[in-house]
Amino acid sequence: MRRILVVVAACTSLAVPATVVGVTMGAGPASAVESVQCGKLTGSILGNVTIKGCVPKNKADKSVTGAAGALASGGTLTWSPGGQTTVVGAPTYSPITPGQCKKGWSEYETSGSVTGGTSSYTHAGDSVRSLTCVNFKTNKIQLLKGSILSL
């Protein structure tokens, strides 16, 4: 069960609620405050996860995919269609108030940071935060309704 929670934490480190992250979408240099925010997280805690619906929009970086298991201790996400990467460090996580997700799903809050990669879309030091819902019977993971993923 602990391993599954670590995998969940890694997966959820890809997502962030709008109330947690301040975003500046100006054209200036990137900082930990600026971030890419995405509205959809899908996948399996035992397989791959995909993140889509990101802003600001970027033609080379429309979605990002990675192995959920590899993210438990930090891992690499690959952007499509450009093939650039974002490396995410090992996240911290904690359960949040039950009842926010559908019945049968568990809620988690995670936080971490981008540690590197080849993508100019994300930058080392960018915050990674999320609120996610996990169903341990189906091994599915998704964002908490109304929240966003930030990296």
N, C-alpha and C. Protein backbone atom coordinates (compact mmCIF):
# COMPACT_ATOMS: atom_id res chain seq x y z
N MET A 1 0.84 -1.19 0.00
CA MET A 1 0.00 0.00 0.00
C MET A 1 0.87 1.25 0.00
N ARG A 2 1.99 1.22 0.75
CA ARG A 2 2.88 2.38 0.80
C ARG A 2 3.44 2.67 -0.58
N ARG A 3 3.84 1.64 -1.33
CA ARG A 3 4.39 1.84 -2.67
C ARG A 3 3.35 2.49 -3.57
N ILE A 4 2.11 2.05 -3.49
CA ILE A 4 1.05 2.64 -4.30
C ILE A 4 0.88 4.11 -3.94
N LEU A 5 0.95 4.44 -2.65
CA LEU A 5 0.80 5.84 -2.25
C LEU A 5 1.96 6.68 -2.77
N VAL A 6 3.18 6.11 -2.79
CA VAL A 6 4.32 6.84 -3.33
C VAL A 6 4.12 7.08 -4.82
N VAL A 7 3.64 6.07 -5.53
CA VAL A 7 3.37 6.23 -6.96
C VAL A 7 2.29 7.29 -7.17
N VAL A 8 1.24 7.23 -6.34
CA VAL A 8 0.18 8.23 -6.43
C VAL A 8 0.76 9.61 -6.22
N ALA A 9 1.61 9.75 -5.23
CA ALA A 9 2.22 11.04 -4.96
C ALA A 9 3.01 11.53 -6.15
N ALA A 10 3.75 10.64 -6.75
CA ALA A 10 4.53 11.03 -7.91
C ALA A 10 3.63 11.48 -9.04
N CYS A 11 2.58 10.74 -9.26
CA CYS A 11 1.65 11.11 -10.34
C CYS A 11 0.99 12.44 -10.04
N THR A 12 0.59 12.62 -8.80
CA THR A 12 -0.13 13.83 -8.46
C THR A 12 0.77 15.03 -8.38
N SER A 13 2.08 14.79 -8.31
CA SER A 13 2.98 15.94 -8.30
C SER A 13 2.90 16.68 -9.62
N LEU A 14 2.23 16.11 -10.57
CA LEU A 14 2.07 16.73 -11.87
C LEU A 14 0.91 17.70 -11.92
N ALA A 15 0.08 17.78 -10.91
CA ALA A 15 -1.13 18.60 -10.96
C ALA A 15 -1.17 19.62 -9.84
N VAL A 16 -1.90 20.77 -10.04
CA VAL A 16 -1.97 21.80 -9.01
C VAL A 16 -3.29 22.56 -9.04
N PRO A 17 -3.86 22.80 -7.86
CA PRO A 17 -5.07 23.60 -7.80
C PRO A 17 -4.77 25.07 -8.06
N ALA A 18 -5.71 25.75 -8.68
CA ALA A 18 -5.52 27.17 -9.00
C ALA A 18 -5.34 28.00 -7.74
N THR A 19 -5.90 27.59 -6.62
CA THR A 19 -5.81 28.37 -5.40
C THR A 19 -4.44 28.27 -4.75
N VAL A 20 -3.61 27.32 -5.17
CA VAL A 20 -2.32 27.12 -4.55
C VAL A 20 -1.21 27.85 -5.28
N VAL A 21 -1.36 28.04 -6.59
CA VAL A 21 -0.27 28.56 -7.39
C VAL A 21 -0.60 29.93 -7.94
N GLY A 22 0.30 30.88 -7.74
CA GLY A 22 0.18 32.17 -8.40
C GLY A 22 0.87 32.08 -9.74
N VAL A 23 0.27 32.62 -10.78
CA VAL A 23 0.85 32.48 -12.10
C VAL A 23 1.00 33.85 -12.75
N THR A 24 2.15 34.07 -13.32
CA THR A 24 2.39 35.24 -14.13
C THR A 24 2.63 34.74 -15.54
N MET A 25 1.81 35.19 -16.50
CA MET A 25 1.97 34.70 -17.85
C MET A 25 2.56 35.76 -18.77
N GLY A 26 3.39 36.61 -18.23
CA GLY A 26 4.04 37.63 -19.04
C GLY A 26 5.13 37.03 -19.90
N ALA A 27 5.76 37.86 -20.70
CA ALA A 27 6.78 37.39 -21.62
C ALA A 27 8.17 37.44 -20.99
N GLY A 28 8.28 37.81 -19.74
CA GLY A 28 9.57 37.93 -19.08
C GLY A 28 10.20 36.59 -18.78
N PRO A 29 11.37 36.57 -18.13
CA PRO A 29 12.06 35.33 -17.83
C PRO A 29 11.27 34.48 -16.84
N ALA A 30 11.48 33.18 -16.90
CA ALA A 30 10.75 32.25 -16.04
C ALA A 30 11.27 32.35 -14.60
N SER A 31 10.38 32.07 -13.67
CA SER A 31 10.73 32.00 -12.26
C SER A 31 9.86 30.94 -11.62
N ALA A 32 10.07 30.69 -10.32
CA ALA A 32 9.27 29.67 -9.63
C ALA A 32 7.80 30.06 -9.58
N VAL A 33 7.48 31.34 -9.76
CA VAL A 33 6.09 31.79 -9.74
C VAL A 33 5.42 31.47 -11.07
N GLU A 34 6.14 31.65 -12.16
CA GLU A 34 5.58 31.33 -13.46
C GLU A 34 5.50 29.83 -13.59
N SER A 35 4.48 29.36 -14.28
CA SER A 35 4.36 27.92 -14.44
C SER A 35 3.47 27.58 -15.61
N VAL A 36 3.56 26.34 -16.00
CA VAL A 36 2.65 25.78 -16.98
C VAL A 36 1.51 25.18 -16.19
N GLN A 37 0.29 25.51 -16.55
CA GLN A 37 -0.87 24.98 -15.84
C GLN A 37 -1.70 24.15 -16.80
N CYS A 38 -2.04 22.94 -16.37
CA CYS A 38 -2.75 22.00 -17.24
C CYS A 38 -4.06 21.56 -16.58
N GLY A 39 -5.07 21.37 -17.41
CA GLY A 39 -6.40 21.07 -16.90
C GLY A 39 -6.82 19.62 -16.92
N LYS A 40 -5.97 18.72 -17.45
CA LYS A 40 -6.40 17.32 -17.51
C LYS A 40 -5.23 16.38 -17.22
N LEU A 41 -5.49 15.44 -16.32
CA LEU A 41 -4.54 14.39 -15.96
C LEU A 41 -5.29 13.08 -16.07
N THR A 42 -4.78 12.14 -16.85
CA THR A 42 -5.39 10.83 -16.96
C THR A 42 -4.31 9.76 -16.91
N GLY A 43 -4.72 8.56 -16.60
CA GLY A 43 -3.78 7.45 -16.63
C GLY A 43 -3.98 6.49 -15.49
N SER A 44 -2.98 5.66 -15.31
CA SER A 44 -3.00 4.60 -14.31
C SER A 44 -1.84 4.77 -13.36
N ILE A 45 -2.08 4.50 -12.08
CA ILE A 45 -1.00 4.59 -11.10
C ILE A 45 0.00 3.46 -11.29
N LEU A 46 -0.35 2.46 -12.08
CA LEU A 46 0.55 1.35 -12.34
C LEU A 46 1.14 1.38 -13.75
N GLY A 47 0.79 2.39 -14.54
CA GLY A 47 1.25 2.49 -15.92
C GLY A 47 1.75 3.88 -16.23
N ASN A 48 1.18 4.47 -17.26
CA ASN A 48 1.56 5.82 -17.70
C ASN A 48 0.49 6.84 -17.36
N VAL A 49 0.92 8.08 -17.21
CA VAL A 49 0.00 9.19 -17.03
C VAL A 49 0.23 10.20 -18.15
N THR A 50 -0.84 10.90 -18.54
CA THR A 50 -0.77 11.92 -19.57
C THR A 50 -1.41 13.19 -19.05
N ILE A 51 -0.77 14.30 -19.34
CA ILE A 51 -1.25 15.61 -18.92
C ILE A 51 -1.50 16.44 -20.17
N LYS A 52 -2.69 17.08 -20.25
CA LYS A 52 -3.07 17.86 -21.43
C LYS A 52 -3.73 19.16 -21.01
N GLY A 53 -4.10 19.95 -22.02
CA GLY A 53 -4.84 21.19 -21.77
C GLY A 53 -4.02 22.23 -21.05
N CYS A 54 -2.78 22.40 -21.47
CA CYS A 54 -1.85 23.29 -20.77
C CYS A 54 -1.87 24.71 -21.34
N VAL A 55 -1.65 25.67 -20.45
CA VAL A 55 -1.49 27.07 -20.81
C VAL A 55 -0.28 27.61 -20.07
N PRO A 56 0.47 28.52 -20.63
CA PRO A 56 0.23 29.07 -21.95
C PRO A 56 0.42 28.00 -23.02
N LYS A 57 -0.33 28.13 -24.12
CA LYS A 57 -0.26 27.14 -25.18
C LYS A 57 1.12 27.16 -25.83
N ASN A 58 1.55 25.97 -26.25
CA ASN A 58 2.86 25.82 -26.87
C ASN A 58 2.74 24.75 -27.94
N LYS A 59 3.02 25.07 -29.20
CA LYS A 59 2.83 24.13 -30.30
C LYS A 59 3.69 22.88 -30.17
N ALA A 60 4.88 23.00 -29.60
CA ALA A 60 5.78 21.85 -29.47
C ALA A 60 5.49 21.03 -28.22
N ASP A 61 4.77 21.60 -27.28
CA ASP A 61 4.52 20.94 -25.99
C ASP A 61 3.03 20.92 -25.69
N LYS A 62 2.28 20.12 -26.41
CA LYS A 62 0.82 20.08 -26.25
C LYS A 62 0.38 19.15 -25.14
N SER A 63 1.12 18.06 -24.91
CA SER A 63 0.81 17.13 -23.83
C SER A 63 2.12 16.52 -23.34
N VAL A 64 2.08 15.99 -22.13
CA VAL A 64 3.28 15.38 -21.55
C VAL A 64 2.90 14.03 -20.96
N THR A 65 3.77 13.04 -21.16
CA THR A 65 3.51 11.68 -20.71
C THR A 65 4.72 11.15 -19.95
N GLY A 66 4.45 10.30 -18.98
CA GLY A 66 5.52 9.65 -18.24
C GLY A 66 5.02 8.42 -17.53
N ALA A 67 5.95 7.56 -17.15
CA ALA A 67 5.61 6.35 -16.40
C ALA A 67 5.35 6.74 -14.95
N ALA A 68 4.20 6.36 -14.44
CA ALA A 68 3.84 6.70 -13.06
C ALA A 68 4.83 6.10 -12.07
N GLY A 69 5.22 4.86 -12.27
CA GLY A 69 6.16 4.20 -11.35
C GLY A 69 7.51 4.88 -11.29
N ALA A 70 8.00 5.36 -12.41
CA ALA A 70 9.30 6.04 -12.44
C ALA A 70 9.26 7.36 -11.70
N LEU A 71 8.07 7.93 -11.56
CA LEU A 71 7.94 9.22 -10.90
C LEU A 71 7.92 9.14 -9.38
N ALA A 72 7.81 7.94 -8.84
CA ALA A 72 7.73 7.79 -7.39
C ALA A 72 8.95 8.38 -6.69
N SER A 73 10.10 8.34 -7.34
CA SER A 73 11.29 8.93 -6.74
C SER A 73 11.85 10.04 -7.61
N GLY A 74 11.00 10.60 -8.45
CA GLY A 74 11.41 11.61 -9.41
C GLY A 74 11.51 10.93 -10.77
N GLY A 75 11.29 11.69 -11.82
CA GLY A 75 11.36 11.06 -13.13
C GLY A 75 11.22 12.04 -14.26
N THR A 76 11.31 11.49 -15.46
CA THR A 76 11.29 12.29 -16.67
C THR A 76 9.94 12.18 -17.38
N LEU A 77 9.43 13.31 -17.79
CA LEU A 77 8.20 13.41 -18.57
C LEU A 77 8.59 13.87 -19.97
N THR A 78 7.93 13.34 -20.99
CA THR A 78 8.26 13.69 -22.37
C THR A 78 7.09 14.41 -23.02
N TRP A 79 7.38 15.59 -23.59
CA TRP A 79 6.37 16.42 -24.23
C TRP A 79 6.14 15.97 -25.67
N SER A 80 4.89 16.06 -26.11
CA SER A 80 4.54 15.75 -27.49
C SER A 80 3.93 16.99 -28.11
N PRO A 81 4.18 17.23 -29.34
CA PRO A 81 4.93 16.41 -30.28
C PRO A 81 6.42 16.69 -30.33
N GLY A 82 6.91 17.65 -29.56
CA GLY A 82 8.30 18.10 -29.67
C GLY A 82 9.36 17.16 -29.16
N GLY A 83 9.03 16.26 -28.22
CA GLY A 83 10.00 15.32 -27.70
C GLY A 83 10.92 15.86 -26.63
N GLN A 84 10.73 17.11 -26.21
CA GLN A 84 11.52 17.69 -25.13
C GLN A 84 11.13 17.04 -23.80
N THR A 85 11.94 17.20 -22.78
CA THR A 85 11.67 16.56 -21.49
C THR A 85 11.59 17.57 -20.35
N THR A 86 10.87 17.16 -19.31
CA THR A 86 10.83 17.87 -18.04
C THR A 86 11.14 16.84 -16.97
N VAL A 87 12.12 17.11 -16.12
CA VAL A 87 12.48 16.21 -15.04
C VAL A 87 11.87 16.75 -13.76
N VAL A 88 11.10 15.88 -13.08
CA VAL A 88 10.41 16.24 -11.85
C VAL A 88 11.09 15.53 -10.68
N GLY A 89 11.38 16.28 -9.61
CA GLY A 89 11.97 15.69 -8.42
C GLY A 89 10.93 14.92 -7.62
N ALA A 90 11.38 14.11 -6.68
CA ALA A 90 10.48 13.34 -5.83
C ALA A 90 9.56 14.28 -5.06
N PRO A 91 8.25 14.06 -5.13
CA PRO A 91 7.30 14.96 -4.46
C PRO A 91 7.06 14.59 -3.01
N THR A 92 6.48 15.53 -2.28
CA THR A 92 5.91 15.22 -0.98
C THR A 92 4.40 15.17 -1.18
N TYR A 93 3.71 14.41 -0.37
CA TYR A 93 2.27 14.27 -0.54
C TYR A 93 1.58 14.03 0.78
N SER A 94 0.28 14.31 0.78
CA SER A 94 -0.52 14.04 1.97
C SER A 94 -1.98 13.87 1.55
N PRO A 95 -2.70 13.04 2.29
CA PRO A 95 -4.14 12.92 2.02
C PRO A 95 -4.82 14.24 2.35
N ILE A 96 -5.90 14.55 1.65
CA ILE A 96 -6.67 15.75 1.94
C ILE A 96 -8.06 15.34 2.39
N THR A 97 -8.86 16.29 2.80
CA THR A 97 -10.19 16.03 3.32
C THR A 97 -10.98 15.09 2.42
N PRO A 98 -11.43 13.96 2.94
CA PRO A 98 -12.21 13.02 2.13
C PRO A 98 -13.52 13.63 1.66
N GLY A 99 -14.06 13.08 0.57
CA GLY A 99 -15.36 13.50 0.08
C GLY A 99 -15.31 14.51 -1.04
N GLN A 100 -14.12 14.95 -1.43
CA GLN A 100 -14.02 15.91 -2.52
C GLN A 100 -14.04 15.20 -3.88
N CYS A 101 -13.61 13.95 -3.91
CA CYS A 101 -13.65 13.15 -5.14
C CYS A 101 -14.89 12.27 -5.11
N LYS A 102 -15.16 11.62 -6.25
CA LYS A 102 -16.29 10.70 -6.33
C LYS A 102 -16.15 9.59 -5.30
N LYS A 103 -17.27 8.99 -4.92
CA LYS A 103 -17.27 7.89 -3.97
C LYS A 103 -16.36 6.76 -4.49
N GLY A 104 -15.54 6.23 -3.61
CA GLY A 104 -14.62 5.17 -3.98
C GLY A 104 -13.25 5.67 -4.41
N TRP A 105 -13.07 6.98 -4.47
CA TRP A 105 -11.79 7.58 -4.84
C TRP A 105 -11.16 8.23 -3.62
N SER A 106 -9.82 8.27 -3.56
CA SER A 106 -9.09 8.92 -2.48
C SER A 106 -8.46 10.20 -2.98
N GLU A 107 -8.37 11.22 -2.11
CA GLU A 107 -7.86 12.54 -2.46
C GLU A 107 -6.44 12.74 -1.92
N TYR A 108 -5.58 13.35 -2.74
CA TYR A 108 -4.20 13.63 -2.33
C TYR A 108 -3.76 15.00 -2.81
N GLU A 109 -2.94 15.65 -1.99
CA GLU A 109 -2.29 16.90 -2.37
C GLU A 109 -0.80 16.60 -2.45
N THR A 110 -0.15 17.06 -3.51
CA THR A 110 1.28 16.84 -3.65
C THR A 110 1.98 18.14 -4.01
N SER A 111 3.27 18.17 -3.72
CA SER A 111 4.08 19.31 -4.13
C SER A 111 5.51 18.86 -4.35
N GLY A 112 6.15 19.54 -5.24
CA GLY A 112 7.53 19.25 -5.57
C GLY A 112 8.06 20.34 -6.47
N SER A 113 9.05 19.99 -7.29
CA SER A 113 9.61 20.99 -8.20
C SER A 113 10.19 20.34 -9.44
N VAL A 114 10.30 21.14 -10.48
CA VAL A 114 10.99 20.73 -11.69
C VAL A 114 12.48 20.82 -11.39
N THR A 115 13.23 19.79 -11.73
CA THR A 115 14.66 19.78 -11.43
C THR A 115 15.53 19.90 -12.68
N GLY A 116 14.92 19.81 -13.86
CA GLY A 116 15.71 19.93 -15.08
C GLY A 116 14.93 19.49 -16.30
N GLY A 117 15.66 19.10 -17.32
CA GLY A 117 15.06 18.66 -18.57
C GLY A 117 15.49 19.52 -19.73
N THR A 118 15.04 19.15 -20.93
CA THR A 118 15.45 19.87 -22.14
C THR A 118 14.39 20.84 -22.64
N SER A 119 13.21 20.84 -22.03
CA SER A 119 12.12 21.70 -22.48
C SER A 119 12.32 23.14 -22.04
N SER A 120 12.03 24.06 -22.95
CA SER A 120 12.06 25.48 -22.59
C SER A 120 10.69 25.91 -22.06
N TYR A 121 9.74 24.99 -22.07
CA TYR A 121 8.38 25.23 -21.59
C TYR A 121 8.34 25.25 -20.06
N THR A 122 9.16 24.41 -19.44
CA THR A 122 9.28 24.36 -17.98
C THR A 122 10.73 24.66 -17.62
N HIS A 123 10.96 25.02 -16.36
CA HIS A 123 12.29 25.44 -15.94
C HIS A 123 12.62 24.86 -14.57
N ALA A 124 13.88 24.53 -14.36
CA ALA A 124 14.33 24.05 -13.05
C ALA A 124 13.91 25.07 -12.00
N GLY A 125 13.32 24.59 -10.92
CA GLY A 125 12.84 25.45 -9.85
C GLY A 125 11.36 25.75 -9.91
N ASP A 126 10.71 25.50 -11.07
CA ASP A 126 9.26 25.70 -11.16
C ASP A 126 8.58 24.78 -10.15
N SER A 127 7.55 25.29 -9.50
CA SER A 127 6.78 24.49 -8.55
C SER A 127 5.95 23.45 -9.28
N VAL A 128 5.79 22.30 -8.65
CA VAL A 128 4.91 21.25 -9.14
C VAL A 128 3.93 20.96 -8.01
N ARG A 129 2.64 21.14 -8.27
CA ARG A 129 1.61 20.94 -7.24
C ARG A 129 0.37 20.34 -7.85
N SER A 130 -0.39 19.62 -7.01
CA SER A 130 -1.63 19.04 -7.52
C SER A 130 -2.60 18.64 -6.42
N LEU A 131 -3.84 18.51 -6.82
CA LEU A 131 -4.88 17.84 -6.04
C LEU A 131 -5.43 16.78 -6.98
N THR A 132 -5.35 15.53 -6.58
CA THR A 132 -5.79 14.45 -7.46
C THR A 132 -6.72 13.48 -6.75
N CYS A 133 -7.43 12.74 -7.57
CA CYS A 133 -8.32 11.68 -7.12
C CYS A 133 -7.77 10.36 -7.66
N VAL A 134 -7.70 9.36 -6.78
CA VAL A 134 -7.16 8.05 -7.16
C VAL A 134 -8.16 6.97 -6.80
N ASN A 135 -8.39 6.06 -7.73
CA ASN A 135 -9.25 4.91 -7.47
C ASN A 135 -8.36 3.68 -7.42
N PHE A 136 -8.20 3.10 -6.23
CA PHE A 136 -7.30 1.96 -6.07
C PHE A 136 -7.88 0.66 -6.62
N LYS A 137 -9.17 0.60 -6.85
CA LYS A 137 -9.77 -0.60 -7.45
C LYS A 137 -9.47 -0.65 -8.95
N THR A 138 -9.53 0.49 -9.61
CA THR A 138 -9.29 0.55 -11.06
C THR A 138 -7.89 1.05 -11.40
N ASN A 139 -7.15 1.53 -10.40
CA ASN A 139 -5.81 2.10 -10.56
C ASN A 139 -5.80 3.38 -11.39
N LYS A 140 -6.94 4.03 -11.52
CA LYS A 140 -7.05 5.27 -12.29
C LYS A 140 -6.66 6.47 -11.44
N ILE A 141 -6.20 7.51 -12.11
CA ILE A 141 -5.87 8.77 -11.46
C ILE A 141 -6.37 9.92 -12.33
N GLN A 142 -6.85 10.97 -11.68
CA GLN A 142 -7.31 12.17 -12.40
C GLN A 142 -7.22 13.36 -11.47
N LEU A 143 -7.32 14.54 -12.04
CA LEU A 143 -7.32 15.76 -11.23
C LEU A 143 -8.62 15.85 -10.45
N LEU A 144 -8.54 16.44 -9.28
CA LEU A 144 -9.73 16.79 -8.53
C LEU A 144 -10.52 17.78 -9.38
N LYS A 145 -11.83 17.57 -9.49
CA LYS A 145 -12.66 18.42 -10.32
C LYS A 145 -12.45 19.89 -9.96
N GLY A 146 -12.23 20.71 -10.97
CA GLY A 146 -12.03 22.14 -10.77
C GLY A 146 -10.61 22.54 -10.47
N SER A 147 -9.70 21.58 -10.35
CA SER A 147 -8.30 21.93 -10.05
C SER A 147 -7.48 21.86 -11.33
N ILE A 148 -6.25 22.36 -11.25
CA ILE A 148 -5.34 22.33 -12.38
C ILE A 148 -4.03 21.71 -11.95
N LEU A 149 -3.24 21.34 -12.91
CA LEU A 149 -1.91 20.80 -12.70
C LEU A 149 -0.92 21.91 -13.00
N SER A 150 0.06 22.07 -12.16
CA SER A 150 1.05 23.11 -12.40
C SER A 150 2.44 22.50 -12.35
N LEU A 151 3.24 22.85 -13.37
CA LEU A 151 4.64 22.43 -13.37
C LEU A 151 5.48 23.43 -14.12
